[in-house]
N, C-alpha and C. Protein backbone atom coordinates (compact mmCIF):
# COMPACT_ATOMS: atom_id res chain seq x y z
N MET A 1 181.66 108.61 66.32
CA MET A 1 182.15 107.44 67.08
C MET A 1 181.27 106.58 66.83
N ALA A 2 181.89 105.27 66.59
CA ALA A 2 181.04 104.18 66.21
C ALA A 2 180.88 103.15 67.36
N PHE A 3 179.74 102.52 67.33
CA PHE A 3 179.48 101.68 68.34
C PHE A 3 180.45 100.43 68.29
N GLN A 4 181.08 100.03 69.68
CA GLN A 4 182.08 98.91 69.60
C GLN A 4 181.67 97.87 70.73
N ILE A 5 181.49 97.00 70.87
CA ILE A 5 181.33 96.02 72.05
C ILE A 5 182.47 95.90 72.96
N TYR A 6 182.34 96.10 74.27
CA TYR A 6 183.65 95.96 75.03
C TYR A 6 183.69 94.61 75.30
N LYS A 7 185.01 94.43 75.11
CA LYS A 7 185.58 93.00 75.28
C LYS A 7 184.76 91.93 74.46
N PRO A 8 184.74 92.05 73.01
CA PRO A 8 183.80 91.25 72.29
C PRO A 8 184.51 89.76 72.70
N GLY A 9 183.39 88.56 72.50
CA GLY A 9 183.99 87.05 72.56
C GLY A 9 183.90 86.79 74.22
N GLN A 10 183.71 87.79 75.04
CA GLN A 10 183.77 87.22 76.48
C GLN A 10 182.74 87.38 77.14
N GLY A 11 182.09 86.68 78.07
CA GLY A 11 180.81 86.43 78.58
C GLY A 11 179.74 86.72 77.50
N ARG A 12 179.76 85.98 76.37
CA ARG A 12 178.92 86.10 75.52
C ARG A 12 177.47 85.29 76.02
N TYR A 13 177.46 84.28 76.34
CA TYR A 13 176.51 83.56 77.09
C TYR A 13 175.42 84.48 78.01
N VAL A 14 176.44 84.93 78.83
CA VAL A 14 175.70 85.75 79.80
C VAL A 14 175.03 86.75 79.37
N ARG A 15 175.64 87.54 78.31
CA ARG A 15 175.45 88.94 77.68
C ARG A 15 174.01 88.66 76.92
N LEU A 16 174.10 87.39 76.18
CA LEU A 16 173.15 87.12 75.30
C LEU A 16 172.02 86.71 76.25
N GLY A 17 171.84 85.96 77.55
CA GLY A 17 170.84 85.90 78.34
C GLY A 17 170.21 87.12 79.00
N SER A 18 171.16 88.07 79.42
CA SER A 18 170.66 89.24 79.77
C SER A 18 169.84 90.06 78.81
N ALA A 19 170.31 90.06 77.56
CA ALA A 19 169.67 90.73 76.38
C ALA A 19 168.44 90.27 76.20
N GLY A 20 168.22 88.81 76.43
CA GLY A 20 167.21 87.95 76.15
C GLY A 20 165.99 88.33 77.27
N GLY A 21 166.52 88.51 78.41
CA GLY A 21 165.67 88.73 79.72
C GLY A 21 165.07 90.26 79.54
N MET A 22 165.96 91.23 79.04
CA MET A 22 165.71 92.55 79.00
C MET A 22 164.41 92.72 77.53
N GLY A 23 164.65 91.80 76.81
CA GLY A 23 163.88 91.88 75.47
C GLY A 23 162.65 91.39 76.02
N VAL A 24 162.16 90.49 77.02
CA VAL A 24 161.23 89.70 77.19
C VAL A 24 160.44 90.80 78.00
N VAL A 25 160.93 91.62 79.13
CA VAL A 25 160.33 92.50 79.88
C VAL A 25 160.04 93.51 78.77
N ALA A 26 160.75 93.88 77.82
CA ALA A 26 160.43 94.89 76.99
C ALA A 26 159.27 94.54 76.22
N LEU A 27 159.14 93.57 75.84
CA LEU A 27 157.86 92.98 74.95
C LEU A 27 156.61 93.09 75.85
N VAL A 28 156.78 92.65 77.07
CA VAL A 28 155.66 92.41 78.08
C VAL A 28 155.21 94.02 78.24
N LEU A 29 156.20 94.92 78.54
CA LEU A 29 155.75 96.30 78.86
C LEU A 29 154.92 97.11 77.55
N CYS A 30 155.63 96.66 76.40
CA CYS A 30 154.91 97.11 75.16
C CYS A 30 153.41 96.51 74.90
N TRP A 31 153.45 95.32 75.22
CA TRP A 31 152.11 94.84 75.15
C TRP A 31 151.27 95.30 76.10
N TYR A 32 151.54 95.79 77.12
CA TYR A 32 150.62 96.20 78.21
C TYR A 32 150.40 97.52 77.92
N LEU A 33 151.28 98.59 77.28
CA LEU A 33 151.29 99.59 76.69
C LEU A 33 150.04 99.73 75.54
N PHE A 34 150.17 98.64 74.79
CA PHE A 34 149.50 98.67 73.25
C PHE A 34 148.03 98.34 74.03
N ASN A 35 147.82 97.47 74.86
CA ASN A 35 146.42 97.20 75.46
C ASN A 35 145.84 98.57 75.99
N LEU A 36 146.74 99.18 77.16
CA LEU A 36 146.22 100.47 77.40
C LEU A 36 145.85 101.36 76.51
N LEU A 37 146.42 101.58 75.53
CA LEU A 37 146.15 102.54 74.22
C LEU A 37 145.15 101.94 73.73
N ARG A 38 144.64 100.87 73.22
CA ARG A 38 143.69 100.27 72.80
C ARG A 38 142.28 100.32 73.39
N GLN A 39 142.57 100.51 74.96
CA GLN A 39 141.37 100.54 75.50
C GLN A 39 141.00 102.03 75.73
N TYR A 40 141.87 103.03 75.91
CA TYR A 40 141.74 104.28 76.48
C TYR A 40 141.66 105.35 75.54
N VAL A 41 142.11 105.10 74.25
CA VAL A 41 142.09 105.96 73.13
C VAL A 41 140.92 105.97 72.55
N SER A 42 140.14 106.95 72.00
CA SER A 42 138.62 107.33 71.71
C SER A 42 138.86 106.62 70.11
N ASP A 43 137.73 105.86 69.82
CA ASP A 43 137.48 105.42 68.50
C ASP A 43 137.31 106.56 67.43
N ASP A 44 136.97 107.90 68.01
CA ASP A 44 136.75 108.68 67.04
C ASP A 44 138.40 109.57 66.77
N VAL A 45 139.21 109.01 67.14
CA VAL A 45 140.62 109.79 66.78
C VAL A 45 141.10 108.91 65.51
N ALA A 46 141.20 109.77 64.48
CA ALA A 46 141.53 109.37 63.18
C ALA A 46 142.64 108.46 63.03
N TYR A 47 143.78 108.97 63.77
CA TYR A 47 145.27 108.21 63.85
C TYR A 47 145.44 107.23 65.25
N LYS A 48 144.14 106.45 65.42
CA LYS A 48 144.13 105.66 66.58
C LYS A 48 145.11 104.42 66.34
N VAL A 49 145.23 104.10 65.31
CA VAL A 49 145.90 103.00 64.70
C VAL A 49 147.33 103.07 64.85
N TYR A 50 147.71 104.41 64.41
CA TYR A 50 149.11 104.66 64.48
C TYR A 50 149.76 104.87 65.74
N LEU A 51 148.78 105.51 66.77
CA LEU A 51 149.17 105.65 68.08
C LEU A 51 149.41 104.12 68.98
N MET A 52 148.38 103.24 68.52
CA MET A 52 148.40 102.14 69.18
C MET A 52 149.78 101.27 68.55
N TYR A 53 150.19 101.34 67.60
CA TYR A 53 151.49 100.70 67.11
C TYR A 53 152.62 101.19 67.23
N SER A 54 152.76 102.82 67.01
CA SER A 54 154.17 103.40 66.96
C SER A 54 154.43 103.59 68.38
N ILE A 55 153.95 104.13 69.17
CA ILE A 55 154.21 104.31 70.57
C ILE A 55 154.82 102.87 71.19
N PRO A 56 154.40 102.06 71.12
CA PRO A 56 154.94 100.67 71.96
C PRO A 56 156.25 100.32 70.89
N ALA A 57 156.18 100.55 69.61
CA ALA A 57 157.41 100.33 68.77
C ALA A 57 158.54 101.31 69.25
N LEU A 58 158.20 102.41 69.52
CA LEU A 58 159.18 103.35 69.73
C LEU A 58 159.64 103.40 71.32
N LEU A 59 158.99 102.70 71.93
CA LEU A 59 159.26 102.52 73.46
C LEU A 59 160.29 101.07 73.38
N PHE A 60 159.93 100.15 72.52
CA PHE A 60 160.60 98.86 72.60
C PHE A 60 162.07 99.21 71.99
N ALA A 61 162.30 100.20 70.85
CA ALA A 61 163.40 100.67 70.46
C ALA A 61 164.20 101.46 71.40
N ALA A 62 163.79 102.31 72.19
CA ALA A 62 164.37 102.86 73.23
C ALA A 62 164.80 102.00 74.37
N MET A 63 164.03 101.15 74.79
CA MET A 63 164.61 100.30 75.58
C MET A 63 165.58 99.35 75.16
N GLY A 64 165.55 98.99 73.96
CA GLY A 64 166.71 98.21 73.40
C GLY A 64 168.17 99.18 73.19
N LEU A 65 167.69 100.30 72.98
CA LEU A 65 169.03 101.30 72.90
C LEU A 65 169.56 101.32 74.47
N VAL A 66 168.60 101.57 75.36
CA VAL A 66 169.13 101.84 76.86
C VAL A 66 169.95 100.49 77.21
N GLY A 67 169.26 99.31 76.77
CA GLY A 67 169.67 97.92 77.21
C GLY A 67 171.13 97.78 76.65
N ALA A 68 171.42 98.05 75.40
CA ALA A 68 172.76 97.77 74.65
C ALA A 68 173.59 98.66 75.34
N LYS A 69 173.31 99.98 75.71
CA LYS A 69 174.32 100.74 76.26
C LYS A 69 174.82 100.36 77.88
N TYR A 70 173.61 99.95 78.60
CA TYR A 70 174.10 99.15 79.89
C TYR A 70 174.93 97.97 79.58
N LEU A 71 174.51 97.03 78.82
CA LEU A 71 175.33 95.74 78.59
C LEU A 71 176.61 96.22 78.14
N ASN A 72 176.91 97.13 77.39
CA ASN A 72 178.36 97.54 76.83
C ASN A 72 178.99 98.34 78.16
N ASP A 73 178.36 98.62 79.04
CA ASP A 73 179.14 99.40 80.25
C ASP A 73 180.20 98.70 80.89
N PRO A 74 181.43 99.07 80.95
CA PRO A 74 182.58 98.25 81.12
C PRO A 74 182.47 97.85 82.48
N ARG A 75 181.81 98.42 83.52
CA ARG A 75 181.52 97.74 84.72
C ARG A 75 180.67 96.53 84.98
N LEU A 76 179.56 96.71 84.29
CA LEU A 76 178.69 95.40 84.07
C LEU A 76 179.30 94.41 83.30
N SER A 77 179.86 94.95 82.26
CA SER A 77 180.34 93.81 81.20
C SER A 77 181.43 92.86 82.03
N ASP A 78 182.20 93.65 82.78
CA ASP A 78 183.17 92.69 83.55
C ASP A 78 182.75 91.90 84.67
N PHE A 79 181.51 92.53 85.33
CA PHE A 79 180.66 91.66 86.23
C PHE A 79 180.13 90.48 85.43
N LEU A 80 179.54 90.53 84.35
CA LEU A 80 179.08 89.55 83.47
C LEU A 80 180.16 88.54 83.27
N ILE A 81 181.14 89.07 82.84
CA ILE A 81 182.38 87.94 82.26
C ILE A 81 182.78 87.37 83.40
N ALA A 82 183.00 88.02 84.51
CA ALA A 82 183.36 87.05 85.78
C ALA A 82 182.50 86.18 86.34
N THR A 83 181.10 86.52 86.03
CA THR A 83 180.12 85.64 86.50
C THR A 83 179.95 84.24 85.44
N GLU A 84 180.15 84.38 84.28
CA GLU A 84 180.22 83.38 83.33
C GLU A 84 181.74 82.53 83.92
N ASN A 85 182.47 82.94 84.12
CA ASN A 85 183.92 82.41 84.15
C ASN A 85 183.62 81.71 85.63
N GLU A 86 182.98 82.32 86.63
CA GLU A 86 182.74 81.44 87.90
C GLU A 86 181.96 80.50 87.64
N MET A 87 180.74 80.61 86.64
CA MET A 87 179.58 79.48 86.44
C MET A 87 180.65 78.24 86.04
N LYS A 88 181.51 78.41 84.99
CA LYS A 88 182.38 77.48 84.44
C LYS A 88 183.02 76.69 85.28
N LYS A 89 183.16 77.34 86.49
CA LYS A 89 183.97 76.44 87.49
C LYS A 89 183.26 75.62 88.71
N VAL A 90 181.89 75.90 88.30
CA VAL A 90 181.25 75.03 89.42
C VAL A 90 181.00 73.53 88.94
N SER A 91 180.95 72.97 89.97
CA SER A 91 180.47 71.17 90.03
C SER A 91 179.31 71.16 89.99
N TRP A 92 178.80 70.86 88.86
CA TRP A 92 177.04 70.29 88.94
C TRP A 92 176.86 69.14 89.31
N SER A 93 175.75 68.90 89.95
CA SER A 93 175.35 67.50 90.38
C SER A 93 174.82 66.63 89.37
N SER A 94 175.02 65.38 89.19
CA SER A 94 174.33 64.72 88.41
C SER A 94 173.00 64.37 88.23
N LYS A 95 172.35 64.00 87.30
CA LYS A 95 170.66 63.91 87.36
C LYS A 95 170.55 62.83 88.30
N ALA A 96 171.21 61.76 88.61
CA ALA A 96 170.77 60.78 89.77
C ALA A 96 170.92 61.11 90.98
N GLU A 97 171.80 62.26 91.21
CA GLU A 97 171.90 62.80 92.51
C GLU A 97 170.93 63.85 92.56
N VAL A 98 170.40 64.54 91.75
CA VAL A 98 169.60 65.55 91.92
C VAL A 98 168.08 64.69 92.24
N GLY A 99 167.88 63.59 91.47
CA GLY A 99 166.65 62.69 91.52
C GLY A 99 166.63 62.22 93.06
N GLY A 100 167.81 61.79 93.50
CA GLY A 100 167.87 61.05 94.94
C GLY A 100 167.38 62.22 96.14
N SER A 101 168.06 63.31 95.90
CA SER A 101 167.96 64.47 96.79
C SER A 101 166.62 64.90 96.81
N THR A 102 165.95 64.99 95.71
CA THR A 102 164.58 65.61 95.64
C THR A 102 163.42 64.43 96.00
N LEU A 103 163.94 63.28 95.96
CA LEU A 103 163.08 62.36 96.64
C LEU A 103 163.15 62.38 98.27
N VAL A 104 164.26 62.49 98.73
CA VAL A 104 164.56 62.53 99.93
C VAL A 104 163.63 63.54 100.68
N VAL A 105 163.75 64.93 99.90
CA VAL A 105 162.90 65.96 100.37
C VAL A 105 161.39 65.72 100.50
N ILE A 106 161.03 65.26 99.31
CA ILE A 106 159.67 64.97 99.22
C ILE A 106 159.28 63.98 100.48
N VAL A 107 159.80 63.03 100.59
CA VAL A 107 159.47 61.78 101.40
C VAL A 107 159.44 62.45 102.82
N THR A 108 160.55 63.37 103.07
CA THR A 108 160.70 63.96 104.48
C THR A 108 159.69 65.19 104.58
N VAL A 109 159.17 66.01 103.72
CA VAL A 109 157.93 66.91 103.97
C VAL A 109 156.82 66.23 104.13
N VAL A 110 156.37 64.89 103.47
CA VAL A 110 155.27 64.20 103.75
C VAL A 110 155.12 63.45 105.33
N LEU A 111 156.18 63.11 105.48
CA LEU A 111 156.41 62.55 106.82
C LEU A 111 156.02 63.53 108.01
N LEU A 112 156.78 64.47 107.96
CA LEU A 112 156.81 65.98 108.72
C LEU A 112 155.26 66.23 108.72
N ALA A 113 154.79 66.37 107.56
CA ALA A 113 153.32 66.88 107.43
C ALA A 113 152.13 65.80 108.15
N LEU A 114 152.37 64.61 108.16
CA LEU A 114 151.58 63.68 108.86
C LEU A 114 151.95 63.61 110.53
N PHE A 115 153.07 63.95 110.54
CA PHE A 115 153.46 63.82 112.16
C PHE A 115 152.71 65.24 112.51
N ILE A 116 152.92 66.28 111.84
CA ILE A 116 152.18 67.38 112.66
C ILE A 116 150.68 67.45 112.56
N PHE A 117 150.01 66.78 111.43
CA PHE A 117 148.77 66.59 111.50
C PHE A 117 148.20 65.44 112.88
N ALA A 118 149.07 64.52 112.87
CA ALA A 118 148.62 63.63 114.14
C ALA A 118 148.78 64.42 115.33
N VAL A 119 149.98 65.04 115.56
CA VAL A 119 150.00 65.95 116.73
C VAL A 119 149.09 66.92 117.12
N ASP A 120 148.68 67.78 115.87
CA ASP A 120 147.47 68.54 115.97
C ASP A 120 146.04 67.93 116.35
N LEU A 121 146.06 66.87 115.80
CA LEU A 121 144.48 66.23 116.23
C LEU A 121 144.45 65.94 117.80
N LEU A 122 145.56 65.00 117.96
CA LEU A 122 146.02 64.79 119.61
C LEU A 122 145.60 66.07 120.70
N VAL A 123 146.40 67.03 120.16
CA VAL A 123 146.45 68.27 121.02
C VAL A 123 145.00 68.75 120.89
N SER A 124 144.58 69.07 119.93
CA SER A 124 143.36 69.85 119.81
C SER A 124 141.92 69.02 120.35
N GLY A 125 142.09 67.57 120.31
CA GLY A 125 141.22 66.87 120.60
C GLY A 125 141.22 66.46 122.21
N GLY A 126 142.38 66.84 122.82
CA GLY A 126 142.50 66.58 124.09
C GLY A 126 142.42 67.62 124.83
N LEU A 127 142.38 69.01 124.19
CA LEU A 127 142.05 70.19 124.79
C LEU A 127 140.61 70.51 124.70
N SER A 128 140.23 70.23 123.84
CA SER A 128 138.46 70.39 123.68
C SER A 128 137.60 69.34 124.14
N GLY A 129 136.70 68.99 123.41
CA GLY A 129 135.67 68.07 123.87
C GLY A 129 136.08 66.58 123.97
N GLY A 130 137.03 66.45 123.14
CA GLY A 130 137.52 64.88 123.18
C GLY A 130 137.33 64.49 121.57
N TRP A 131 137.55 63.07 121.47
CA TRP A 131 137.54 62.46 120.34
C TRP A 131 136.33 61.60 120.04
N THR A 132 135.60 61.24 118.99
CA THR A 132 134.64 60.26 118.68
C THR A 132 135.39 59.55 117.60
N ILE A 133 135.47 58.20 117.66
CA ILE A 133 136.04 57.44 116.75
C ILE A 133 134.91 57.03 115.55
N PRO A 134 135.20 57.48 114.33
CA PRO A 134 134.30 57.26 113.24
C PRO A 134 133.59 55.79 113.15
N TYR A 135 132.39 55.87 112.74
CA TYR A 135 131.61 54.93 112.58
C TYR A 135 131.59 53.96 113.88
N THR A 136 131.48 54.28 114.88
CA THR A 136 131.44 53.70 116.15
C THR A 136 130.59 54.61 117.11
N ASP A 137 130.22 54.12 118.58
CA ASP A 137 129.62 55.29 119.17
C ASP A 137 130.67 55.42 120.26
N ILE A 138 132.04 55.18 120.02
CA ILE A 138 132.89 55.39 121.22
C ILE A 138 133.55 56.75 121.21
N HIS A 139 133.26 57.31 122.54
CA HIS A 139 133.89 58.83 122.78
C HIS A 139 134.73 58.78 123.61
N ILE A 140 135.86 59.46 123.27
CA ILE A 140 137.06 59.46 124.54
C ILE A 140 136.87 61.08 125.10
N PRO A 141 136.62 61.28 126.04
CA PRO A 141 136.65 62.80 126.69
C PRO A 141 137.76 63.38 126.68
N GLY A 142 137.96 64.92 126.40
CA GLY A 142 138.90 65.58 126.49
C GLY A 142 138.94 66.58 127.73
N LEU A 143 139.86 67.40 127.80
CA LEU A 143 139.79 68.37 128.93
C LEU A 143 138.63 69.39 129.11
N GLY A 144 138.09 69.64 127.76
CA GLY A 144 136.99 70.78 127.56
C GLY A 144 137.57 72.04 127.73
N LEU A 145 138.59 72.43 127.20
CA LEU A 145 138.94 73.87 127.46
C LEU A 145 138.78 74.72 126.72
N TRP A 146 138.22 74.31 125.40
CA TRP A 146 137.58 75.11 124.24
C TRP A 146 136.52 74.48 123.60
């Protein structure tokens, strides 16, 4: 039985993106395994180099086969195809709209932070020993609760 791609030509970009993500995860895991083997396999072992390179390579190949199997599964493939079709229907915001919305969010967060800072100063000073105005000898007493 030969390997065939389920519904070829459909969901191409989502499948490629998923395969790329799986490849990145596989590379990171193989690099981690390589470093573990380099650290924990004794230098006295005559075939240390073969272990350090072949085990991660076999793991990468196995993960590639498992990824190919799951990306070719009819249920997952149909889901990825439907996802790509829905993403084509999305109305994306323009660059100007995104920039304007980002600016509004940043200004709102800064103003809210300043307001909370001012209220915190007033409440903490009022409940404690009071406030001393910097560079002067003026002291406004507080309630002295803590």
